[in-house]
Amino acid sequence: MPLPPLVKQLVEKKLSAYCQKKIPNHLHNEIRLSFKFRGNTITLFESRPAFRMPEKWVEISVAQFRYDTEENLWALYCADRNSRWHPDMNIDPVKNFDRLLQEIDQDSTGIYWG
């Protein structure tokens, strides 16, 4: 089920600001941070030039946010080395999306930013 339009609009605004703040403008030719929507899921990812083909950009998953439309809760997921998603066991689902962004920034276990 897709995100409710107002929820999507609010989260899109928050994630756009987060991505802009996280990567300084002068580094945008070396690294970018972006996100994409799919149903009730949002994937946050880095883009970098490929090692041997700098004209080609590769995407590296950072985190995934999943919205439960019945409970109005957001859950945070992290990717393993095989790009399989697992719930972040350090934070329970929350209503406040900003709390998940704080968890990614803190990254006490190194699962998001290495």
PDB file of N, CA and C in Angstrom:
ATOM      1  N   MET A   1       0.845  -1.176   0.000  1.00  0.00           N
ATOM      2  CA  MET A   1       0.000   0.000   0.000  1.00  0.00           C
ATOM      3  C   MET A   1       0.894   1.245   0.000  1.00  0.00           C
ATOM      4  N   PRO A   2       0.603   2.199  -0.870  1.00  0.00           N
ATOM      5  CA  PRO A   2       1.438   3.415  -0.915  1.00  0.00           C
ATOM      6  C   PRO A   2       1.245   4.285   0.321  1.00  0.00           C
ATOM      7  N   LEU A   3       2.206   5.148   0.516  1.00  0.00           N
ATOM      8  CA  LEU A   3       2.125   6.099   1.626  1.00  0.00           C
ATOM      9  C   LEU A   3       0.971   7.069   1.408  1.00  0.00           C
ATOM     10  N   PRO A   4       0.305   7.468   2.480  1.00  0.00           N
ATOM     11  CA  PRO A   4      -0.694   8.530   2.338  1.00  0.00           C
ATOM     12  C   PRO A   4       0.003   9.797   1.800  1.00  0.00           C
ATOM     13  N   PRO A   5      -0.653  10.535   0.911  1.00  0.00           N
ATOM     14  CA  PRO A   5      -0.009  11.686   0.262  1.00  0.00           C
ATOM     15  C   PRO A   5       0.612  12.701   1.226  1.00  0.00           C
ATOM     16  N   LEU A   6      -0.064  13.033   2.303  1.00  0.00           N
ATOM     17  CA  LEU A   6       0.500  14.016   3.235  1.00  0.00           C
ATOM     18  C   LEU A   6       1.721  13.463   3.966  1.00  0.00           C
ATOM     19  N   VAL A   7       1.696  12.193   4.308  1.00  0.00           N
ATOM     20  CA  VAL A   7       2.852  11.557   4.956  1.00  0.00           C
ATOM     21  C   VAL A   7       4.027  11.561   3.987  1.00  0.00           C
ATOM     22  N   LYS A   8       3.774  11.193   2.745  1.00  0.00           N
ATOM     23  CA  LYS A   8       4.840  11.165   1.736  1.00  0.00           C
ATOM     24  C   LYS A   8       5.444  12.547   1.543  1.00  0.00           C
ATOM     25  N   GLN A   9       4.600  13.556   1.465  1.00  0.00           N
ATOM     26  CA  GLN A   9       5.071  14.929   1.265  1.00  0.00           C
ATOM     27  C   GLN A   9       5.948  15.389   2.433  1.00  0.00           C
ATOM     28  N   LEU A  10       5.520  15.107   3.647  1.00  0.00           N
ATOM     29  CA  LEU A  10       6.286  15.506   4.830  1.00  0.00           C
ATOM     30  C   LEU A  10       7.633  14.798   4.883  1.00  0.00           C
ATOM     31  N   VAL A  11       7.624  13.493   4.653  1.00  0.00           N
ATOM     32  CA  VAL A  11       8.863  12.720   4.711  1.00  0.00           C
ATOM     33  C   VAL A  11       9.803  13.106   3.579  1.00  0.00           C
ATOM     34  N   GLU A  12       9.258  13.364   2.410  1.00  0.00           N
ATOM     35  CA  GLU A  12      10.087  13.791   1.282  1.00  0.00           C
ATOM     36  C   GLU A  12      10.803  15.098   1.608  1.00  0.00           C
ATOM     37  N   LYS A  13      10.105  16.010   2.246  1.00  0.00           N
ATOM     38  CA  LYS A  13      10.706  17.285   2.648  1.00  0.00           C
ATOM     39  C   LYS A  13      11.817  17.059   3.679  1.00  0.00           C
ATOM     40  N   LYS A  14      11.557  16.209   4.664  1.00  0.00           N
ATOM     41  CA  LYS A  14      12.556  15.936   5.702  1.00  0.00           C
ATOM     42  C   LYS A  14      13.787  15.231   5.137  1.00  0.00           C
ATOM     43  N   LEU A  15      13.566  14.243   4.274  1.00  0.00           N
ATOM     44  CA  LEU A  15      14.697  13.518   3.701  1.00  0.00           C
ATOM     45  C   LEU A  15      15.505  14.385   2.740  1.00  0.00           C
ATOM     46  N   SER A  16      14.841  15.242   1.995  1.00  0.00           N
ATOM     47  CA  SER A  16      15.567  16.156   1.099  1.00  0.00           C
ATOM     48  C   SER A  16      16.492  17.062   1.906  1.00  0.00           C
ATOM     49  N   ALA A  17      15.980  17.606   2.992  1.00  0.00           N
ATOM     50  CA  ALA A  17      16.799  18.456   3.861  1.00  0.00           C
ATOM     51  C   ALA A  17      17.939  17.660   4.481  1.00  0.00           C
ATOM     52  N   TYR A  18      17.657  16.440   4.911  1.00  0.00           N
ATOM     53  CA  TYR A  18      18.682  15.590   5.520  1.00  0.00           C
ATOM     54  C   TYR A  18      19.808  15.307   4.523  1.00  0.00           C
ATOM     55  N   CYS A  19      19.450  14.926   3.306  1.00  0.00           N
ATOM     56  CA  CYS A  19      20.454  14.622   2.285  1.00  0.00           C
ATOM     57  C   CYS A  19      21.285  15.856   1.943  1.00  0.00           C
ATOM     58  N   GLN A  20      20.635  16.989   1.849  1.00  0.00           N
ATOM     59  CA  GLN A  20      21.339  18.238   1.537  1.00  0.00           C
ATOM     60  C   GLN A  20      22.330  18.592   2.644  1.00  0.00           C
ATOM     61  N   LYS A  21      21.906  18.415   3.893  1.00  0.00           N
ATOM     62  CA  LYS A  21      22.756  18.756   5.036  1.00  0.00           C
ATOM     63  C   LYS A  21      23.918  17.771   5.198  1.00  0.00           C
ATOM     64  N   LYS A  22      23.674  16.519   4.893  1.00  0.00           N
ATOM     65  CA  LYS A  22      24.667  15.461   5.141  1.00  0.00           C
ATOM     66  C   LYS A  22      25.866  15.544   4.191  1.00  0.00           C
ATOM     67  N   ILE A  23      25.628  15.902   2.940  1.00  0.00           N
ATOM     68  CA  ILE A  23      26.702  15.970   1.943  1.00  0.00           C
ATOM     69  C   ILE A  23      26.867  17.425   1.498  1.00  0.00           C
ATOM     70  N   PRO A  24      28.013  18.038   1.797  1.00  0.00           N
ATOM     71  CA  PRO A  24      28.239  19.434   1.387  1.00  0.00           C
ATOM     72  C   PRO A  24      28.213  19.579  -0.144  1.00  0.00           C
ATOM     73  N   ASN A  25      27.779  20.733  -0.604  1.00  0.00           N
ATOM     74  CA  ASN A  25      27.657  20.987  -2.042  1.00  0.00           C
ATOM     75  C   ASN A  25      28.957  20.756  -2.803  1.00  0.00           C
ATOM     76  N   HIS A  26      30.087  21.119  -2.220  1.00  0.00           N
ATOM     77  CA  HIS A  26      31.349  21.001  -2.946  1.00  0.00           C
ATOM     78  C   HIS A  26      31.773  19.542  -3.159  1.00  0.00           C
ATOM     79  N   LEU A  27      31.068  18.585  -2.543  1.00  0.00           N
ATOM     80  CA  LEU A  27      31.391  17.165  -2.724  1.00  0.00           C
ATOM     81  C   LEU A  27      30.403  16.432  -3.635  1.00  0.00           C
ATOM     82  N   HIS A  28      29.426  17.145  -4.192  1.00  0.00           N
ATOM     83  CA  HIS A  28      28.392  16.490  -4.989  1.00  0.00           C
ATOM     84  C   HIS A  28      28.913  15.828  -6.262  1.00  0.00           C
ATOM     85  N   ASN A  29      30.121  16.169  -6.705  1.00  0.00           N
ATOM     86  CA  ASN A  29      30.681  15.469  -7.858  1.00  0.00           C
ATOM     87  C   ASN A  29      31.411  14.190  -7.434  1.00  0.00           C
ATOM     88  N   GLU A  30      31.515  13.954  -6.107  1.00  0.00           N
ATOM     89  CA  GLU A  30      32.168  12.755  -5.587  1.00  0.00           C
ATOM     90  C   GLU A  30      31.209  11.815  -4.869  1.00  0.00           C
ATOM     91  N   ILE A  31      30.189  12.352  -4.253  1.00  0.00           N
ATOM     92  CA  ILE A  31      29.237  11.538  -3.498  1.00  0.00           C
ATOM     93  C   ILE A  31      27.902  12.277  -3.413  1.00  0.00           C
ATOM     94  N   ARG A  32      26.847  11.509  -3.507  1.00  0.00           N
ATOM     95  CA  ARG A  32      25.496  12.072  -3.377  1.00  0.00           C
ATOM     96  C   ARG A  32      24.700  11.182  -2.442  1.00  0.00           C
ATOM     97  N   LEU A  33      23.741  11.770  -1.799  1.00  0.00           N
ATOM     98  CA  LEU A  33      22.835  11.037  -0.924  1.00  0.00           C
ATOM     99  C   LEU A  33      21.425  11.315  -1.415  1.00  0.00           C
ATOM    100  N   SER A  34      20.666  10.253  -1.637  1.00  0.00           N
ATOM    101  CA  SER A  34      19.331  10.421  -2.175  1.00  0.00           C
ATOM    102  C   SER A  34      18.418   9.331  -1.631  1.00  0.00           C
ATOM    103  N   PHE A  35      17.190   9.296  -2.107  1.00  0.00           N
ATOM    104  CA  PHE A  35      16.213   8.316  -1.630  1.00  0.00           C
ATOM    105  C   PHE A  35      15.202   8.046  -2.723  1.00  0.00           C
ATOM    106  N   LYS A  36      14.536   6.899  -2.601  1.00  0.00           N
ATOM    107  CA  LYS A  36      13.473   6.584  -3.541  1.00  0.00           C
ATOM    108  C   LYS A  36      12.327   5.902  -2.804  1.00  0.00           C
ATOM    109  N   PHE A  37      11.130   6.165  -3.293  1.00  0.00           N
ATOM    110  CA  PHE A  37       9.912   5.616  -2.725  1.00  0.00           C
ATOM    111  C   PHE A  37       9.492   4.375  -3.507  1.00  0.00           C
ATOM    112  N   ARG A  38       8.972   3.404  -2.777  1.00  0.00           N
ATOM    113  CA  ARG A  38       8.340   2.239  -3.401  1.00  0.00           C
ATOM    114  C   ARG A  38       7.254   1.756  -2.449  1.00  0.00           C
ATOM    115  N   GLY A  39       6.021   2.019  -2.789  1.00  0.00           N
ATOM    116  CA  GLY A  39       4.911   1.652  -1.913  1.00  0.00           C
ATOM    117  C   GLY A  39       5.022   2.398  -0.595  1.00  0.00           C
ATOM    118  N   ASN A  40       5.072   1.648   0.504  1.00  0.00           N
ATOM    119  CA  ASN A  40       5.190   2.269   1.826  1.00  0.00           C
ATOM    120  C   ASN A  40       6.629   2.223   2.345  1.00  0.00           C
ATOM    121  N   THR A  41       7.573   2.039   1.434  1.00  0.00           N
ATOM    122  CA  THR A  41       8.983   1.912   1.781  1.00  0.00           C
ATOM    123  C   THR A  41       9.789   3.028   1.126  1.00  0.00           C
ATOM    124  N   ILE A  42      10.755   3.539   1.873  1.00  0.00           N
ATOM    125  CA  ILE A  42      11.679   4.546   1.350  1.00  0.00           C
ATOM    126  C   ILE A  42      13.089   4.024   1.572  1.00  0.00           C
ATOM    127  N   THR A  43      13.891   4.029   0.526  1.00  0.00           N
ATOM    128  CA  THR A  43      15.278   3.580   0.633  1.00  0.00           C
ATOM    129  C   THR A  43      16.196   4.783   0.496  1.00  0.00           C
ATOM    130  N   LEU A  44      17.076   4.943   1.467  1.00  0.00           N
ATOM    131  CA  LEU A  44      18.102   5.981   1.471  1.00  0.00           C
ATOM    132  C   LEU A  44      19.369   5.346   0.909  1.00  0.00           C
ATOM    133  N   PHE A  45      20.022   6.021  -0.038  1.00  0.00           N
ATOM    134  CA  PHE A  45      21.221   5.450  -0.640  1.00  0.00           C
ATOM    135  C   PHE A  45      22.245   6.516  -0.997  1.00  0.00           C
ATOM    136  N   GLU A  46      23.501   6.079  -1.023  1.00  0.00           N
ATOM    137  CA  GLU A  46      24.609   6.900  -1.505  1.00  0.00           C
ATOM    138  C   GLU A  46      24.829   6.581  -2.972  1.00  0.00           C
ATOM    139  N   SER A  47      25.282   7.559  -3.713  1.00  0.00           N
ATOM    140  CA  SER A  47      25.732   7.347  -5.092  1.00  0.00           C
ATOM    141  C   SER A  47      27.156   7.846  -5.176  1.00  0.00           C
ATOM    142  N   ARG A  48      28.003   7.034  -5.814  1.00  0.00           N
ATOM    143  CA  ARG A  48      29.410   7.381  -5.997  1.00  0.00           C
ATOM    144  C   ARG A  48      29.843   6.970  -7.402  1.00  0.00           C
ATOM    145  N   PRO A  49      30.850   7.641  -7.948  1.00  0.00           N
ATOM    146  CA  PRO A  49      31.383   7.183  -9.234  1.00  0.00           C
ATOM    147  C   PRO A  49      31.984   5.783  -9.079  1.00  0.00           C
ATOM    148  N   ALA A  50      31.767   4.937 -10.069  1.00  0.00           N
ATOM    149  CA  ALA A  50      32.337   3.585 -10.046  1.00  0.00           C
ATOM    150  C   ALA A  50      33.863   3.688 -10.064  1.00  0.00           C
ATOM    151  N   PHE A  51      34.518   2.728  -9.458  1.00  0.00           N
ATOM    152  CA  PHE A  51      35.965   2.769  -9.279  1.00  0.00           C
ATOM    153  C   PHE A  51      36.716   2.882 -10.606  1.00  0.00           C
ATOM    154  N   ARG A  52      36.427   2.029 -11.537  1.00  0.00           N
ATOM    155  CA  ARG A  52      37.167   2.038 -12.802  1.00  0.00           C
ATOM    156  C   ARG A  52      36.425   2.734 -13.937  1.00  0.00           C
ATOM    157  N   MET A  53      35.198   3.165 -13.659  1.00  0.00           N
ATOM    158  CA  MET A  53      34.413   3.885 -14.667  1.00  0.00           C
ATOM    159  C   MET A  53      33.762   5.089 -13.996  1.00  0.00           C
ATOM    160  N   PRO A  54      34.533   6.155 -13.745  1.00  0.00           N
ATOM    161  CA  PRO A  54      34.012   7.294 -12.983  1.00  0.00           C
ATOM    162  C   PRO A  54      32.824   7.995 -13.622  1.00  0.00           C
ATOM    163  N   GLU A  55      32.575   7.749 -14.902  1.00  0.00           N
ATOM    164  CA  GLU A  55      31.407   8.353 -15.540  1.00  0.00           C
ATOM    165  C   GLU A  55      30.113   7.631 -15.148  1.00  0.00           C
ATOM    166  N   LYS A  56      30.248   6.425 -14.596  1.00  0.00           N
ATOM    167  CA  LYS A  56      29.080   5.645 -14.167  1.00  0.00           C
ATOM    168  C   LYS A  56      28.958   5.731 -12.640  1.00  0.00           C
ATOM    169  N   TRP A  57      27.763   6.043 -12.160  1.00  0.00           N
ATOM    170  CA  TRP A  57      27.531   6.149 -10.729  1.00  0.00           C
ATOM    171  C   TRP A  57      26.883   4.867 -10.215  1.00  0.00           C
ATOM    172  N   VAL A  58      27.316   4.429  -9.047  1.00  0.00           N
ATOM    173  CA  VAL A  58      26.744   3.234  -8.421  1.00  0.00           C
ATOM    174  C   VAL A  58      25.999   3.645  -7.150  1.00  0.00           C
ATOM    175  N   GLU A  59      24.947   2.900  -6.849  1.00  0.00           N
ATOM    176  CA  GLU A  59      24.154   3.170  -5.658  1.00  0.00           C
ATOM    177  C   GLU A  59      24.507   2.165  -4.560  1.00  0.00           C
ATOM    178  N   ILE A  60      24.655   2.685  -3.357  1.00  0.00           N
ATOM    179  CA  ILE A  60      24.956   1.863  -2.181  1.00  0.00           C
ATOM    180  C   ILE A  60      23.864   2.131  -1.152  1.00  0.00           C
ATOM    181  N   SER A  61      23.115   1.098  -0.812  1.00  0.00           N
ATOM    182  CA  SER A  61      22.019   1.252   0.147  1.00  0.00           C
ATOM    183  C   SER A  61      22.555   1.637   1.517  1.00  0.00           C
ATOM    184  N   VAL A  62      21.875   2.569   2.162  1.00  0.00           N
ATOM    185  CA  VAL A  62      22.250   3.010   3.506  1.00  0.00           C
ATOM    186  C   VAL A  62      21.222   2.533   4.521  1.00  0.00           C
ATOM    187  N   ALA A  63      19.965   2.833   4.277  1.00  0.00           N
ATOM    188  CA  ALA A  63      18.907   2.494   5.231  1.00  0.00           C
ATOM    189  C   ALA A  63      17.579   2.405   4.496  1.00  0.00           C
ATOM    190  N   GLN A  64      16.640   1.760   5.168  1.00  0.00           N
ATOM    191  CA  GLN A  64      15.297   1.678   4.616  1.00  0.00           C
ATOM    192  C   GLN A  64      14.293   1.991   5.711  1.00  0.00           C
ATOM    193  N   PHE A  65      13.297   2.770   5.347  1.00  0.00           N
ATOM    194  CA  PHE A  65      12.219   3.150   6.263  1.00  0.00           C
ATOM    195  C   PHE A  65      10.936   2.495   5.758  1.00  0.00           C
ATOM    196  N   ARG A  66      10.227   1.839   6.655  1.00  0.00           N
ATOM    197  CA  ARG A  66       8.966   1.192   6.268  1.00  0.00           C
ATOM    198  C   ARG A  66       7.844   1.732   7.139  1.00  0.00           C
ATOM    199  N   TYR A  67       6.772   2.096   6.478  1.00  0.00           N
ATOM    200  CA  TYR A  67       5.637   2.714   7.164  1.00  0.00           C
ATOM    201  C   TYR A  67       4.493   1.718   7.282  1.00  0.00           C
ATOM    202  N   ASP A  68       4.002   1.542   8.502  1.00  0.00           N
ATOM    203  CA  ASP A  68       2.835   0.711   8.772  1.00  0.00           C
ATOM    204  C   ASP A  68       1.616   1.629   8.761  1.00  0.00           C
ATOM    205  N   THR A  69       0.799   1.533   7.713  1.00  0.00           N
ATOM    206  CA  THR A  69      -0.325   2.452   7.556  1.00  0.00           C
ATOM    207  C   THR A  69      -1.421   2.217   8.591  1.00  0.00           C
ATOM    208  N   GLU A  70      -1.521   1.010   9.117  1.00  0.00           N
ATOM    209  CA  GLU A  70      -2.548   0.731  10.124  1.00  0.00           C
ATOM    210  C   GLU A  70      -2.166   1.296  11.490  1.00  0.00           C
ATOM    211  N   GLU A  71      -0.893   1.185  11.832  1.00  0.00           N
ATOM    212  CA  GLU A  71      -0.416   1.640  13.142  1.00  0.00           C
ATOM    213  C   GLU A  71       0.161   3.059  13.099  1.00  0.00           C
ATOM    214  N   ASN A  72       0.387   3.588  11.894  1.00  0.00           N
ATOM    215  CA  ASN A  72       1.036   4.896  11.722  1.00  0.00           C
ATOM    216  C   ASN A  72       2.410   4.924  12.386  1.00  0.00           C
ATOM    217  N   LEU A  73       3.177   3.863  12.164  1.00  0.00           N
ATOM    218  CA  LEU A  73       4.512   3.740  12.742  1.00  0.00           C
ATOM    219  C   LEU A  73       5.551   3.549  11.637  1.00  0.00           C
ATOM    220  N   TRP A  74       6.733   4.109  11.881  1.00  0.00           N
ATOM    221  CA  TRP A  74       7.885   3.940  11.004  1.00  0.00           C
ATOM    222  C   TRP A  74       8.853   2.940  11.625  1.00  0.00           C
ATOM    223  N   ALA A  75       9.369   2.022  10.811  1.00  0.00           N
ATOM    224  CA  ALA A  75      10.396   1.077  11.254  1.00  0.00           C
ATOM    225  C   ALA A  75      11.652   1.319  10.422  1.00  0.00           C
ATOM    226  N   LEU A  76      12.805   1.095  11.042  1.00  0.00           N
ATOM    227  CA  LEU A  76      14.092   1.326  10.400  1.00  0.00           C
ATOM    228  C   LEU A  76      14.750  -0.019  10.098  1.00  0.00           C
ATOM    229  N   TYR A  77      15.288  -0.142   8.894  1.00  0.00           N
ATOM    230  CA  TYR A  77      15.951  -1.368   8.457  1.00  0.00           C
ATOM    231  C   TYR A  77      17.363  -1.044   7.970  1.00  0.00           C
ATOM    232  N   CYS A  78      18.251  -2.014   8.123  1.00  0.00           N
ATOM    233  CA  CYS A  78      19.618  -1.883   7.628  1.00  0.00           C
ATOM    234  C   CYS A  78      19.893  -3.038   6.662  1.00  0.00           C
ATOM    235  N   ALA A  79      20.819  -2.825   5.732  1.00  0.00           N
ATOM    236  CA  ALA A  79      21.156  -3.840   4.738  1.00  0.00           C
ATOM    237  C   ALA A  79      22.400  -4.602   5.172  1.00  0.00           C
ATOM    238  N   ASP A  80      22.402  -5.914   4.905  1.00  0.00           N
ATOM    239  CA  ASP A  80      23.611  -6.689   5.148  1.00  0.00           C
ATOM    240  C   ASP A  80      24.484  -6.657   3.894  1.00  0.00           C
ATOM    241  N   ARG A  81      25.583  -7.379   3.907  1.00  0.00           N
ATOM    242  CA  ARG A  81      26.514  -7.329   2.779  1.00  0.00           C
ATOM    243  C   ARG A  81      25.929  -7.887   1.489  1.00  0.00           C
ATOM    244  N   ASN A  82      24.830  -8.653   1.603  1.00  0.00           N
ATOM    245  CA  ASN A  82      24.154  -9.207   0.436  1.00  0.00           C
ATOM    246  C   ASN A  82      22.936  -8.377   0.029  1.00  0.00           C
ATOM    247  N   SER A  83      22.837  -7.178   0.578  1.00  0.00           N
ATOM    248  CA  SER A  83      21.740  -6.246   0.298  1.00  0.00           C
ATOM    249  C   SER A  83      20.379  -6.778   0.734  1.00  0.00           C
ATOM    250  N   ARG A  84      20.368  -7.608   1.748  1.00  0.00           N
ATOM    251  CA  ARG A  84      19.108  -8.059   2.349  1.00  0.00           C
ATOM    252  C   ARG A  84      18.816  -7.149   3.528  1.00  0.00           C
ATOM    253  N   TRP A  85      17.546  -6.816   3.693  1.00  0.00           N
ATOM    254  CA  TRP A  85      17.139  -5.867   4.719  1.00  0.00           C
ATOM    255  C   TRP A  85      16.759  -6.578   6.014  1.00  0.00           C
ATOM    256  N   HIS A  86      17.213  -5.983   7.140  1.00  0.00           N
ATOM    257  CA  HIS A  86      16.928  -6.505   8.475  1.00  0.00           C
ATOM    258  C   HIS A  86      16.490  -5.354   9.373  1.00  0.00           C
ATOM    259  N   PRO A  87      15.530  -5.603  10.270  1.00  0.00           N
ATOM    260  CA  PRO A  87      15.121  -4.529  11.187  1.00  0.00           C
ATOM    261  C   PRO A  87      16.275  -4.113  12.082  1.00  0.00           C
ATOM    262  N   ASP A  88      16.376  -2.824  12.328  1.00  0.00           N
ATOM    263  CA  ASP A  88      17.368  -2.303  13.278  1.00  0.00           C
ATOM    264  C   ASP A  88      16.846  -2.625  14.673  1.00  0.00           C
ATOM    265  N   MET A  89      17.536  -3.495  15.367  1.00  0.00           N
ATOM    266  CA  MET A  89      17.090  -3.963  16.677  1.00  0.00           C
ATOM    267  C   MET A  89      17.328  -2.932  17.779  1.00  0.00           C
ATOM    268  N   ASN A  90      18.016  -1.837  17.465  1.00  0.00           N
ATOM    269  CA  ASN A  90      18.305  -0.807  18.465  1.00  0.00           C
ATOM    270  C   ASN A  90      17.189   0.217  18.615  1.00  0.00           C
ATOM    271  N   ILE A  91      16.195   0.153  17.734  1.00  0.00           N
ATOM    272  CA  ILE A  91      15.106   1.123  17.819  1.00  0.00           C
ATOM    273  C   ILE A  91      13.790   0.451  17.421  1.00  0.00           C
ATOM    274  N   ASP A  92      12.801   0.615  18.266  1.00  0.00           N
ATOM    275  CA  ASP A  92      11.462   0.096  17.977  1.00  0.00           C
ATOM    276  C   ASP A  92      10.776   1.012  16.976  1.00  0.00           C
ATOM    277  N   PRO A  93       9.751   0.506  16.289  1.00  0.00           N
ATOM    278  CA  PRO A  93       8.983   1.385  15.397  1.00  0.00           C
ATOM    279  C   PRO A  93       8.457   2.612  16.158  1.00  0.00           C
ATOM    280  N   VAL A  94       8.480   3.746  15.466  1.00  0.00           N
ATOM    281  CA  VAL A  94       8.115   5.025  16.086  1.00  0.00           C
ATOM    282  C   VAL A  94       7.169   5.809  15.189  1.00  0.00           C
ATOM    283  N   LYS A  95       6.451   6.747  15.787  1.00  0.00           N
ATOM    284  CA  LYS A  95       5.589   7.646  15.019  1.00  0.00           C
ATOM    285  C   LYS A  95       6.388   8.808  14.434  1.00  0.00           C
ATOM    286  N   ASN A  96       7.455   9.211  15.141  1.00  0.00           N
ATOM    287  CA  ASN A  96       8.249  10.372  14.765  1.00  0.00           C
ATOM    288  C   ASN A  96       9.376   9.970  13.815  1.00  0.00           C
ATOM    289  N   PHE A  97       9.236  10.306  12.535  1.00  0.00           N
ATOM    290  CA  PHE A  97      10.226   9.955  11.520  1.00  0.00           C
ATOM    291  C   PHE A  97      11.600  10.543  11.836  1.00  0.00           C
ATOM    292  N   ASP A  98      11.630  11.727  12.437  1.00  0.00           N
ATOM    293  CA  ASP A  98      12.903  12.369  12.780  1.00  0.00           C
ATOM    294  C   ASP A  98      13.747  11.499  13.711  1.00  0.00           C
ATOM    295  N   ARG A  99      13.095  10.722  14.535  1.00  0.00           N
ATOM    296  CA  ARG A  99      13.822   9.842  15.467  1.00  0.00           C
ATOM    297  C   ARG A  99      14.646   8.803  14.699  1.00  0.00           C
ATOM    298  N   LEU A 100      14.132   8.336  13.568  1.00  0.00           N
ATOM    299  CA  LEU A 100      14.881   7.375  12.754  1.00  0.00           C
ATOM    300  C   LEU A 100      16.087   8.036  12.093  1.00  0.00           C
ATOM    301  N   LEU A 101      15.930   9.276  11.669  1.00  0.00           N
ATOM    302  CA  LEU A 101      17.069  10.000  11.101  1.00  0.00           C
ATOM    303  C   LEU A 101      18.153  10.214  12.158  1.00  0.00           C
ATOM    304  N   GLN A 102      17.751  10.478  13.384  1.00  0.00           N
ATOM    305  CA  GLN A 102      18.717  10.615  14.479  1.00  0.00           C
ATOM    306  C   GLN A 102      19.462   9.298  14.706  1.00  0.00           C
ATOM    307  N   GLU A 103      18.754   8.203  14.638  1.00  0.00           N
ATOM    308  CA  GLU A 103      19.378   6.878  14.832  1.00  0.00           C
ATOM    309  C   GLU A 103      20.428   6.612  13.753  1.00  0.00           C
ATOM    310  N   ILE A 104      20.111   6.975  12.519  1.00  0.00           N
ATOM    311  CA  ILE A 104      21.078   6.790  11.428  1.00  0.00           C
ATOM    312  C   ILE A 104      22.296   7.679  11.646  1.00  0.00           C
ATOM    313  N   ASP A 105      22.078   8.915  12.055  1.00  0.00           N
ATOM    314  CA  ASP A 105      23.192   9.823  12.313  1.00  0.00           C
ATOM    315  C   ASP A 105      24.086   9.329  13.448  1.00  0.00           C
ATOM    316  N   GLN A 106      23.482   8.863  14.519  1.00  0.00           N
ATOM    317  CA  GLN A 106      24.265   8.371  15.664  1.00  0.00           C
ATOM    318  C   GLN A 106      25.034   7.117  15.279  1.00  0.00           C
ATOM    319  N   ASP A 107      24.389   6.200  14.582  1.00  0.00           N
ATOM    320  CA  ASP A 107      25.012   4.974  14.070  1.00  0.00           C
ATOM    321  C   ASP A 107      25.992   4.348  15.049  1.00  0.00           C
ATOM    322  N   SER A 108      25.521   4.076  16.250  1.00  0.00           N
ATOM    323  CA  SER A 108      26.390   3.558  17.309  1.00  0.00           C
ATOM    324  C   SER A 108      27.001   2.194  16.975  1.00  0.00           C
ATOM    325  N   THR A 109      26.413   1.445  16.061  1.00  0.00           N
ATOM    326  CA  THR A 109      26.940   0.127  15.708  1.00  0.00           C
ATOM    327  C   THR A 109      27.692   0.127  14.382  1.00  0.00           C
ATOM    328  N   GLY A 110      27.657   1.218  13.640  1.00  0.00           N
ATOM    329  CA  GLY A 110      28.357   1.296  12.352  1.00  0.00           C
ATOM    330  C   GLY A 110      27.644   0.570  11.222  1.00  0.00           C
ATOM    331  N   ILE A 111      26.363   0.287  11.372  1.00  0.00           N
ATOM    332  CA  ILE A 111      25.662  -0.463  10.327  1.00  0.00           C
ATOM    333  C   ILE A 111      25.200   0.413   9.173  1.00  0.00           C
ATOM    334  N   TYR A 112      25.211   1.719   9.340  1.00  0.00           N
ATOM    335  CA  TYR A 112      24.751   2.599   8.273  1.00  0.00           C
ATOM    336  C   TYR A 112      25.919   3.262   7.538  1.00  0.00           C
ATOM    337  N   TRP A 113      26.819   3.838   8.269  1.00  0.00           N
ATOM    338  CA  TRP A 113      27.909   4.588   7.658  1.00  0.00           C
ATOM    339  C   TRP A 113      29.255   3.871   7.770  1.00  0.00           C
ATOM    340  N   GLY A 114      29.245   2.651   8.279  1.00  0.00           N
ATOM    341  CA  GLY A 114      30.469   1.850   8.354  1.00  0.00           C
ATOM    342  C   GLY A 114      31.327   2.297   9.436  1.00  0.00           C
TER     343      GLY A 114
END
